[in-house]
Amino acid sequence: MNKPVIAVVGRPNVGKSTLFNKLIGQRLSIVDDTPGVTRDRIYGEVEWCGKTAFIVDTGGIEPKSDDIILVQMRRQAQLAIDTANVIILVTDCKSGMVATDMDVAQMLQKSGKPVVLCVNKCDTLGEPSPEFYEFYNLGLGDPIEVSAVHGYGTGDLLDKAFSSFDYDENAEDDGTIINVAVIGKPNAGKSSLVNKITNEERCIVSDIAGTTRDTIDTLVENKYGKFNFTDTAGLRRQSKIYDNIEKYSIIRAKMAIERSDVCVIMIDATEGVTEQDTKVAGLAHEAGRACVIAVNKWDAVEKNDKTMQEFRKKLDADFAFMSYAPKVFISAKTGMRIDRLFEYIISCNDSANRRIRTGMLNELLAQATTRVQPPSDKGKRLKIFYMTQASVKPPTFVFFCNNAQLFHFSYQRYLENRIREAFALEGTPIKIVVRERGEK
């Protein structure tokens, strides 16, 4: 199920970042008395009464300013408003209601989204100050007293925000919808792929690299099942990023990887495999996500009978760290091998969620250790007592042994390959945890 999104908006220096940090329980957003410190949107996760939601901190909105930076910040905030399910408008009780608050409130009313009015900096307990009642004039209902510094009133604020979410509505989707993040360099054809799959102009497509800035979720239901495809912004090298919006887009792309079940790594066949492609793939690998490598624009490549074989060898060499990932050569423009892509997505998701009985694992372990003896050092040999599967996504296996230092990486890789081969765990990384006997 996709988590709902709460956007925290307001004019500059009302305490949005302080409130954001308090709600997520960590100092993720920079806080300073200078207005305009926050420029990009910053995402976190908030939990309340057993339910979770994404929350986004935005830069201060100055609706009538022509300053270049403030215009960019206003655009950032508008993007957050457009993608949010609920909006928290933060105001400042100490300075009272100002004209900018009214302008922002009118902007939010036009969005048609539920708005929770937060009056921040109510730092003293007891009867609120006279300035508090001015905020009824915004026409957004009853304001809520909050002290972001001390945490007063945040419970009431979250109660009201979470009351607008209908979690039961999507409960049936848990486990039935496969979340797929489409990632890659700019201009690799990610948006074109989503458009082809949905048969509509769901995402803006352009030859200009960086056209996609926000992550766009698209629900797809076909003969293969239900999928939620997330089109992400292209990930460039850090040194090539100058634009604030692009920096934020990269944060969103990384978040899309975190909440995905399968990552489709798009590679531009006309450019070949680059260092940046391997870095993008590394993000999905480190996050423990199942992966499919899709080589796009294969229709635009001049080919002979050895072209695909040579390209596949190049992929095997450059993506040696994720040799488990299947590779498919597609064309988002013509739809070539899109069916094969869906088959790989399903098989990789199945592999990532597969559970294996402990008895079967230990039978395999006995065969593997008989075939290749465990390593030894200075007369002391590694003894593996037993193994078990601890979790899925990715499949995590715990080995209990007499000495963890003797469990060499190469032997771990040998056992990983045996597990992958025996139980057909294609498309997903495998995590191995080594524990000594008696270790908790």
Protein backbone atom coordinates (compact mmCIF):
# COMPACT_ATOMS: atom_id res chain seq x y z
CA MET A 1 0.00 0.00 0.00
CA ASN A 2 1.32 3.47 -0.85
CA LYS A 3 1.70 5.67 2.20
CA PRO A 4 -0.22 8.97 2.27
CA VAL A 5 1.70 12.25 2.13
CA ILE A 6 1.46 15.24 4.49
CA ALA A 7 2.87 18.56 3.25
CA VAL A 8 4.05 21.16 5.79
CA VAL A 9 3.73 24.64 4.26
CA GLY A 10 3.64 28.28 5.34
CA ARG A 11 5.45 31.59 5.00
CA PRO A 12 9.16 31.82 5.88
CA ASN A 13 10.42 31.50 9.47
CA VAL A 14 7.26 30.20 11.14
CA GLY A 15 8.95 26.99 12.35
CA LYS A 16 8.07 24.49 9.63
CA SER A 17 11.43 22.69 9.78
CA THR A 18 11.36 22.57 13.58
CA LEU A 19 7.89 21.04 13.48
CA PHE A 20 8.97 18.61 10.72
CA ASN A 21 11.96 17.44 12.79
CA LYS A 22 9.79 17.02 15.88
CA LEU A 23 7.21 14.92 14.02
CA ILE A 24 9.73 12.54 12.41
CA GLY A 25 11.84 12.31 15.58
CA GLN A 26 15.18 13.32 14.05
CA ARG A 27 17.03 16.44 12.89
CA LEU A 28 16.74 15.98 9.17
CA SER A 29 15.88 19.56 8.18
CA ILE A 30 18.28 22.46 8.85
CA VAL A 31 16.82 24.87 11.41
CA ASP A 32 17.96 28.49 11.68
CA ASP A 33 16.42 31.84 12.62
CA THR A 34 17.22 33.19 9.15
CA PRO A 35 14.18 33.07 6.83
CA GLY A 36 14.56 30.94 3.71
CA VAL A 37 17.05 28.36 5.00
CA THR A 38 14.91 25.50 3.65
CA ARG A 39 14.69 25.64 -0.12
CA ASP A 40 14.21 22.08 -1.33
CA ARG A 41 11.46 19.80 -0.15
CA ILE A 42 12.67 17.24 2.37
CA TYR A 43 10.83 13.97 2.97
CA GLY A 44 10.60 11.95 6.17
CA GLU A 45 8.31 9.38 7.70
CA VAL A 46 5.93 9.98 10.61
CA GLU A 47 4.25 7.27 12.68
CA TRP A 48 1.11 7.86 14.72
CA CYS A 49 -1.15 5.31 16.46
CA GLY A 50 0.37 2.40 14.54
CA LYS A 51 -0.01 4.07 11.15
CA THR A 52 2.67 5.73 9.03
CA ALA A 53 2.76 8.47 6.40
CA PHE A 54 5.34 10.42 4.45
CA ILE A 55 5.75 14.04 5.54
CA VAL A 56 7.44 16.73 3.45
CA ASP A 57 9.05 19.94 4.67
CA THR A 58 8.92 22.85 2.21
CA GLY A 59 10.54 26.25 1.85
CA GLY A 60 8.70 29.37 2.96
CA ILE A 61 6.09 30.63 0.48
CA GLU A 62 6.22 34.28 -0.60
CA PRO A 63 3.30 34.41 -3.10
CA LYS A 64 4.05 37.89 -4.47
CA SER A 65 7.86 37.87 -4.59
CA ASP A 66 9.77 37.96 -7.90
CA ASP A 67 13.10 36.90 -6.35
CA ILE A 68 14.53 33.98 -8.36
CA ILE A 69 15.21 31.79 -5.33
CA LEU A 70 11.83 32.55 -3.74
CA VAL A 71 10.06 31.75 -7.00
CA GLN A 72 11.84 28.38 -7.06
CA MET A 73 10.87 27.76 -3.43
CA ARG A 74 7.25 28.63 -4.23
CA ARG A 75 7.33 26.16 -7.10
CA GLN A 76 8.75 23.50 -4.77
CA ALA A 77 5.96 24.11 -2.27
CA GLN A 78 3.33 23.95 -5.02
CA LEU A 79 4.69 20.55 -6.13
CA ALA A 80 4.41 19.36 -2.53
CA ILE A 81 0.81 20.62 -2.31
CA ASP A 82 -0.11 18.90 -5.58
CA THR A 83 1.22 15.51 -4.44
CA ALA A 84 0.01 15.68 -0.81
CA ASN A 85 -3.09 14.06 0.65
CA VAL A 86 -3.26 16.48 3.61
CA ILE A 87 -1.65 19.91 4.09
CA ILE A 88 -0.52 21.40 7.40
CA LEU A 89 -0.43 25.21 7.22
CA VAL A 90 2.00 26.52 9.84
CA THR A 91 1.58 30.05 11.20
CA ASP A 92 3.36 32.05 13.91
CA CYS A 93 1.44 32.99 17.06
CA LYS A 94 4.15 35.42 18.24
CA SER A 95 3.96 37.62 15.15
CA GLY A 96 0.21 37.11 14.69
CA MET A 97 -1.62 36.79 11.39
CA VAL A 98 -0.08 38.71 8.46
CA ALA A 99 -1.18 39.31 4.88
CA THR A 100 1.10 36.53 3.58
CA ASP A 101 -0.74 34.00 5.76
CA MET A 102 -4.00 35.00 4.08
CA ASP A 103 -2.43 34.67 0.61
CA VAL A 104 -1.09 31.19 1.40
CA ALA A 105 -4.47 30.14 2.89
CA GLN A 106 -6.27 31.21 -0.30
CA MET A 107 -3.74 29.24 -2.37
CA LEU A 108 -4.42 26.12 -0.28
CA GLN A 109 -8.20 26.51 -0.52
CA LYS A 110 -7.91 26.45 -4.32
CA SER A 111 -6.08 23.10 -4.11
CA GLY A 112 -9.18 21.40 -2.72
CA LYS A 113 -7.04 19.32 -0.30
CA PRO A 114 -7.83 18.93 3.44
CA VAL A 115 -5.94 21.63 5.37
CA VAL A 116 -4.97 21.49 9.06
CA LEU A 117 -4.25 24.93 10.54
CA CYS A 118 -1.29 24.86 12.95
CA VAL A 119 -0.54 27.92 15.08
CA ASN A 120 3.10 27.42 16.10
CA LYS A 121 5.21 29.03 18.85
CA CYS A 122 2.49 28.71 21.50
CA ASP A 123 5.28 27.93 23.95
CA THR A 124 3.48 28.68 27.21
CA LEU A 125 0.80 26.47 28.72
CA GLY A 126 -2.58 27.80 29.73
CA GLU A 127 -4.96 30.19 27.99
CA PRO A 128 -3.77 31.08 24.46
CA SER A 129 -2.73 34.65 23.69
CA PRO A 130 -5.20 37.02 21.96
CA GLU A 131 -3.21 36.69 18.71
CA PHE A 132 -4.22 33.03 18.52
CA TYR A 133 -7.87 33.87 17.78
CA GLU A 134 -6.90 36.03 14.77
CA PHE A 135 -6.21 32.86 12.77
CA TYR A 136 -9.93 32.00 12.62
CA ASN A 137 -10.06 34.73 9.95
CA LEU A 138 -8.16 32.43 7.54
CA GLY A 139 -11.35 30.40 7.06
CA LEU A 140 -9.64 27.04 7.55
CA GLY A 141 -11.58 25.88 10.59
CA ASP A 142 -10.36 25.56 14.18
CA PRO A 143 -6.63 26.30 14.58
CA ILE A 144 -4.52 23.96 16.73
CA GLU A 145 -2.08 25.34 19.32
CA VAL A 146 1.39 23.84 18.85
CA SER A 147 4.86 24.35 20.22
CA ALA A 148 7.23 22.69 17.77
CA VAL A 149 10.17 23.32 20.13
CA HIS A 150 8.61 21.55 23.13
CA GLY A 151 6.23 19.21 21.27
CA TYR A 152 3.04 20.60 22.80
CA GLY A 153 -0.05 20.01 20.66
CA THR A 154 1.65 17.75 18.09
CA GLY A 155 -0.60 14.85 19.09
CA ASP A 156 -3.76 16.84 18.34
CA LEU A 157 -2.18 17.97 15.07
CA LEU A 158 -1.45 14.40 13.94
CA ASP A 159 -4.89 13.21 15.10
CA LYS A 160 -6.51 15.70 12.77
CA ALA A 161 -4.10 15.04 9.88
CA PHE A 162 -4.41 11.23 10.06
CA SER A 163 -8.21 11.40 10.36
CA SER A 164 -8.29 12.39 6.66
CA PHE A 165 -6.58 9.17 5.54
CA ASP A 166 -8.60 6.10 4.64
CA TYR A 167 -6.16 3.27 5.29
CA ASP A 168 -8.81 0.57 4.93
CA GLU A 169 -9.48 1.67 1.36
CA ASN A 170 -6.20 0.18 0.12
CA ALA A 171 -5.85 -2.60 2.70
CA GLU A 172 -6.72 -5.26 0.14
CA ASP A 173 -3.81 -4.15 -2.03
CA ASP A 174 -1.17 -5.29 0.50
CA GLY A 175 0.85 -8.07 -1.04
CA THR A 176 -1.16 -8.04 -4.28
CA ILE A 177 0.31 -4.94 -5.93
CA ILE A 178 3.97 -5.08 -6.96
CA ASN A 179 5.67 -1.69 -6.51
CA VAL A 180 8.12 -1.12 -9.37
CA ALA A 181 10.60 1.79 -9.38
CA VAL A 182 11.94 2.72 -12.83
CA ILE A 183 15.40 4.21 -12.25
CA GLY A 184 18.37 5.23 -14.36
CA LYS A 185 20.30 8.13 -15.83
CA PRO A 186 18.48 11.12 -17.37
CA ASN A 187 17.04 10.52 -20.84
CA ALA A 188 17.26 6.71 -20.65
CA GLY A 189 13.56 6.38 -21.53
CA LYS A 190 11.99 5.86 -18.09
CA SER A 191 8.93 8.04 -18.78
CA SER A 192 8.53 6.53 -22.25
CA LEU A 193 8.39 3.06 -20.70
CA VAL A 194 5.65 4.07 -18.25
CA ASN A 195 3.69 5.71 -21.07
CA LYS A 196 4.00 2.59 -23.23
CA ILE A 197 2.87 0.31 -20.41
CA THR A 198 -0.18 2.48 -19.64
CA ASN A 199 -0.93 3.34 -23.30
CA GLU A 200 -1.37 7.00 -22.39
CA GLU A 201 0.71 10.15 -21.99
CA ARG A 202 1.06 9.64 -18.25
CA CYS A 203 4.47 11.34 -18.04
CA ILE A 204 5.99 14.22 -19.98
CA VAL A 205 8.55 12.91 -22.47
CA SER A 206 11.27 15.10 -23.94
CA ASP A 207 14.77 14.75 -25.38
CA ILE A 208 15.89 17.27 -22.74
CA ALA A 209 17.57 15.41 -19.89
CA GLY A 210 15.91 16.06 -16.52
CA THR A 211 12.35 16.61 -17.77
CA THR A 212 10.95 14.42 -14.98
CA ARG A 213 11.45 16.08 -11.61
CA ASP A 214 8.90 14.44 -9.35
CA THR A 215 8.27 10.75 -8.80
CA ILE A 216 5.03 9.78 -10.51
CA ASP A 217 3.04 6.73 -9.40
CA THR A 218 0.95 4.91 -12.01
CA LEU A 219 -1.30 1.94 -11.22
CA VAL A 220 -1.31 -0.71 -13.95
CA GLU A 221 -3.53 -3.81 -14.11
CA ASN A 222 -3.06 -6.30 -16.93
CA LYS A 223 -2.93 -10.04 -17.59
CA TYR A 224 0.20 -10.29 -15.43
CA GLY A 225 -1.40 -8.75 -12.33
CA LYS A 226 -1.44 -5.39 -10.52
CA PHE A 227 1.57 -3.09 -10.52
CA ASN A 228 2.41 0.38 -9.25
CA PHE A 229 5.05 1.86 -11.57
CA THR A 230 7.01 4.81 -10.17
CA ASP A 231 8.68 7.01 -12.78
CA THR A 232 11.65 8.74 -11.16
CA ALA A 233 13.96 11.62 -12.01
CA GLY A 234 17.19 10.69 -13.77
CA LEU A 235 20.15 10.30 -11.42
CA ARG A 236 23.20 12.26 -12.54
CA ARG A 237 26.65 12.53 -11.00
CA GLN A 238 26.69 14.74 -7.90
CA SER A 239 29.15 17.17 -9.50
CA LYS A 240 26.73 17.77 -12.41
CA ILE A 241 23.80 18.83 -10.19
CA TYR A 242 23.31 22.57 -9.84
CA ASP A 243 19.55 22.99 -9.69
CA ASN A 244 17.75 22.84 -6.33
CA ILE A 245 14.74 21.08 -7.83
CA GLU A 246 16.98 18.39 -9.28
CA LYS A 247 18.61 17.82 -5.89
CA TYR A 248 15.19 17.24 -4.42
CA SER A 249 14.21 14.97 -7.33
CA ILE A 250 17.13 12.71 -6.50
CA ILE A 251 15.95 12.43 -2.90
CA ARG A 252 12.53 11.39 -4.18
CA ALA A 253 14.08 8.86 -6.58
CA LYS A 254 16.01 7.28 -3.70
CA MET A 255 12.82 7.17 -1.63
CA ALA A 256 11.07 5.43 -4.54
CA ILE A 257 13.77 2.75 -4.43
CA GLU A 258 13.23 2.29 -0.69
CA ARG A 259 9.49 1.74 -1.02
CA SER A 260 9.69 -0.45 -4.13
CA ASP A 261 9.53 -4.23 -4.40
CA VAL A 262 11.38 -4.41 -7.73
CA CYS A 263 13.68 -1.88 -9.43
CA VAL A 264 13.89 -1.71 -13.22
CA ILE A 265 17.32 -0.26 -14.04
CA MET A 266 17.08 1.50 -17.41
CA ILE A 267 20.18 1.67 -19.60
CA ASP A 268 20.43 3.63 -22.86
CA ALA A 269 21.61 1.14 -25.50
CA THR A 270 22.75 3.96 -27.81
CA GLU A 271 25.22 5.21 -25.15
CA GLY A 272 26.28 1.85 -23.76
CA VAL A 273 27.01 1.09 -20.12
CA THR A 274 28.51 4.01 -18.18
CA GLU A 275 29.93 4.39 -14.68
CA GLN A 276 26.79 6.27 -13.63
CA ASP A 277 24.64 3.28 -14.65
CA THR A 278 26.54 1.06 -12.22
CA LYS A 279 26.19 3.66 -9.45
CA VAL A 280 22.42 3.85 -9.97
CA ALA A 281 22.23 0.06 -9.88
CA GLY A 282 24.32 0.12 -6.70
CA LEU A 283 21.62 2.17 -4.94
CA ALA A 284 19.05 -0.57 -5.58
CA HIS A 285 21.51 -3.34 -4.68
CA GLU A 286 22.45 -1.69 -1.36
CA ALA A 287 18.76 -1.19 -0.55
CA GLY A 288 18.28 -4.95 -0.96
CA ARG A 289 15.72 -4.64 -3.75
CA ALA A 290 15.06 -7.18 -6.47
CA CYS A 291 16.35 -5.83 -9.79
CA VAL A 292 15.85 -6.20 -13.53
CA ILE A 293 18.32 -4.57 -15.94
CA ALA A 294 16.42 -3.23 -18.97
CA VAL A 295 18.51 -2.11 -21.95
CA ASN A 296 16.27 0.44 -23.70
CA LYS A 297 16.34 1.85 -27.25
CA TRP A 298 17.48 -1.50 -28.63
CA ASP A 299 15.56 -0.70 -31.83
CA ALA A 300 17.91 2.26 -32.45
CA VAL A 301 21.10 0.18 -32.32
CA GLU A 302 22.77 -1.10 -35.48
CA LYS A 303 22.95 -4.85 -34.98
CA ASN A 304 24.51 -8.01 -36.34
CA ASP A 305 24.28 -11.58 -35.09
CA LYS A 306 26.79 -10.90 -32.25
CA THR A 307 25.64 -7.46 -31.02
CA MET A 308 23.40 -8.68 -28.20
CA GLN A 309 25.93 -11.28 -27.07
CA GLU A 310 28.71 -8.67 -26.89
CA PHE A 311 26.47 -6.19 -25.06
CA ARG A 312 25.48 -8.90 -22.57
CA LYS A 313 29.16 -9.65 -21.86
CA LYS A 314 29.71 -5.96 -21.17
CA LEU A 315 26.76 -5.98 -18.76
CA ASP A 316 28.08 -9.08 -17.00
CA ALA A 317 31.46 -7.41 -16.49
CA ASP A 318 30.19 -4.01 -15.35
CA PHE A 319 27.39 -5.40 -13.15
CA ALA A 320 29.42 -8.26 -11.66
CA PHE A 321 28.31 -7.15 -8.17
CA MET A 322 24.69 -7.97 -9.08
CA SER A 323 25.08 -10.97 -11.36
CA TYR A 324 21.74 -12.24 -10.04
CA ALA A 325 19.79 -9.56 -11.99
CA PRO A 326 18.18 -10.77 -15.24
CA LYS A 327 18.81 -8.67 -18.36
CA VAL A 328 16.27 -7.84 -21.05
CA PHE A 329 16.70 -5.79 -24.25
CA ILE A 330 13.61 -3.64 -24.85
CA SER A 331 12.25 -0.69 -26.77
CA ALA A 332 9.91 1.61 -24.85
CA LYS A 333 9.05 3.27 -28.15
CA THR A 334 7.87 0.15 -30.00
CA GLY A 335 6.97 -2.05 -27.02
CA MET A 336 9.51 -4.73 -27.94
CA ARG A 337 9.93 -7.36 -25.18
CA ILE A 338 7.75 -5.46 -22.68
CA ASP A 339 5.96 -8.76 -21.99
CA ARG A 340 9.30 -10.36 -21.11
CA LEU A 341 9.99 -7.44 -18.75
CA PHE A 342 6.73 -8.13 -16.87
CA GLU A 343 7.65 -11.81 -16.56
CA TYR A 344 11.00 -10.89 -15.02
CA ILE A 345 9.38 -8.39 -12.62
CA ILE A 346 7.02 -11.09 -11.33
CA SER A 347 9.72 -13.76 -11.00
CA CYS A 348 12.09 -11.36 -9.22
CA ASN A 349 9.37 -10.30 -6.78
CA ASP A 350 8.55 -13.96 -6.09
CA SER A 351 12.23 -14.68 -5.42
CA ALA A 352 12.53 -11.75 -3.01
CA ASN A 353 9.50 -12.98 -1.02
CA ARG A 354 10.37 -16.70 -1.04
CA ARG A 355 10.61 -18.51 2.28
CA ILE A 356 12.56 -21.77 2.56
CA ARG A 357 12.07 -24.32 5.34
CA THR A 358 14.95 -24.72 7.78
CA GLY A 359 15.10 -28.49 7.12
CA MET A 360 15.63 -27.97 3.40
CA LEU A 361 18.30 -25.34 4.06
CA ASN A 362 20.28 -27.62 6.36
CA GLU A 363 20.11 -30.50 3.88
CA LEU A 364 21.64 -28.16 1.32
CA LEU A 365 24.23 -26.98 3.88
CA ALA A 366 25.32 -30.56 4.58
CA GLN A 367 25.74 -31.27 0.86
CA ALA A 368 27.63 -28.01 0.26
CA THR A 369 30.07 -28.45 3.16
CA THR A 370 30.74 -32.06 2.08
CA ARG A 371 31.46 -30.96 -1.47
CA VAL A 372 33.73 -28.05 -0.43
CA GLN A 373 35.21 -28.23 3.06
CA PRO A 374 34.88 -25.06 5.22
CA PRO A 375 38.10 -23.01 5.48
CA SER A 376 40.63 -23.38 8.29
CA ASP A 377 43.36 -21.21 9.77
CA LYS A 378 46.36 -22.32 11.88
CA GLY A 379 44.84 -25.73 12.44
CA LYS A 380 41.43 -24.36 13.48
CA ARG A 381 38.60 -25.28 11.11
CA LEU A 382 35.30 -23.47 10.61
CA LYS A 383 32.31 -25.48 11.80
CA ILE A 384 28.85 -24.44 10.62
CA PHE A 385 26.26 -25.93 12.99
CA TYR A 386 23.09 -24.96 11.14
CA MET A 387 21.39 -22.20 9.15
CA THR A 388 17.91 -20.69 8.98
CA GLN A 389 16.08 -18.00 7.04
CA ALA A 390 15.40 -14.89 9.12
CA SER A 391 13.45 -12.67 6.73
CA VAL A 392 12.53 -11.84 3.13
CA LYS A 393 12.99 -8.81 0.81
CA PRO A 394 15.84 -9.60 0.54
CA PRO A 395 16.02 -13.26 1.63
CA THR A 396 18.24 -13.20 4.74
CA PHE A 397 19.99 -16.35 5.98
CA VAL A 398 21.63 -16.71 9.39
CA PHE A 399 24.56 -19.14 9.80
CA PHE A 400 25.56 -20.31 13.28
CA CYS A 401 29.21 -21.34 13.54
CA ASN A 402 32.09 -21.80 15.99
CA ASN A 403 34.19 -18.84 14.80
CA ALA A 404 32.86 -15.96 12.67
CA GLN A 405 36.39 -14.82 11.71
CA LEU A 406 37.01 -18.12 9.92
CA PHE A 407 33.86 -17.66 7.81
CA HIS A 408 35.70 -16.15 4.86
CA PHE A 409 33.86 -13.98 2.33
CA SER A 410 34.71 -16.38 -0.50
CA TYR A 411 33.05 -19.27 1.35
CA GLN A 412 30.00 -17.10 2.02
CA ARG A 413 29.82 -16.42 -1.72
CA TYR A 414 30.08 -20.16 -2.43
CA LEU A 415 27.17 -20.94 -0.08
CA GLU A 416 25.16 -18.02 -1.49
CA ASN A 417 25.57 -19.40 -5.01
CA ARG A 418 24.49 -22.87 -3.86
CA ILE A 419 21.36 -21.44 -2.19
CA ARG A 420 20.55 -19.36 -5.26
CA GLU A 421 21.01 -22.31 -7.57
CA ALA A 422 19.03 -24.80 -5.44
CA PHE A 423 16.03 -22.57 -4.75
CA ALA A 424 15.94 -20.48 -7.96
CA LEU A 425 16.45 -17.12 -6.28
CA GLU A 426 16.94 -15.15 -9.49
CA GLY A 427 16.71 -11.39 -9.48
CA THR A 428 17.11 -10.73 -5.76
CA PRO A 429 20.17 -10.06 -3.60
CA ILE A 430 20.80 -12.48 -0.74
CA LYS A 431 21.90 -11.29 2.70
CA ILE A 432 24.04 -13.56 4.88
CA VAL A 433 24.41 -13.04 8.63
CA VAL A 434 27.11 -14.98 10.52
CA ARG A 435 26.76 -15.61 14.25
CA GLU A 436 28.93 -17.53 16.68
CA ARG A 437 27.33 -20.11 18.95
CA GLY A 438 26.04 -18.45 22.10
CA GLU A 439 25.88 -15.00 20.44
CA LYS A 440 22.49 -13.30 20.74
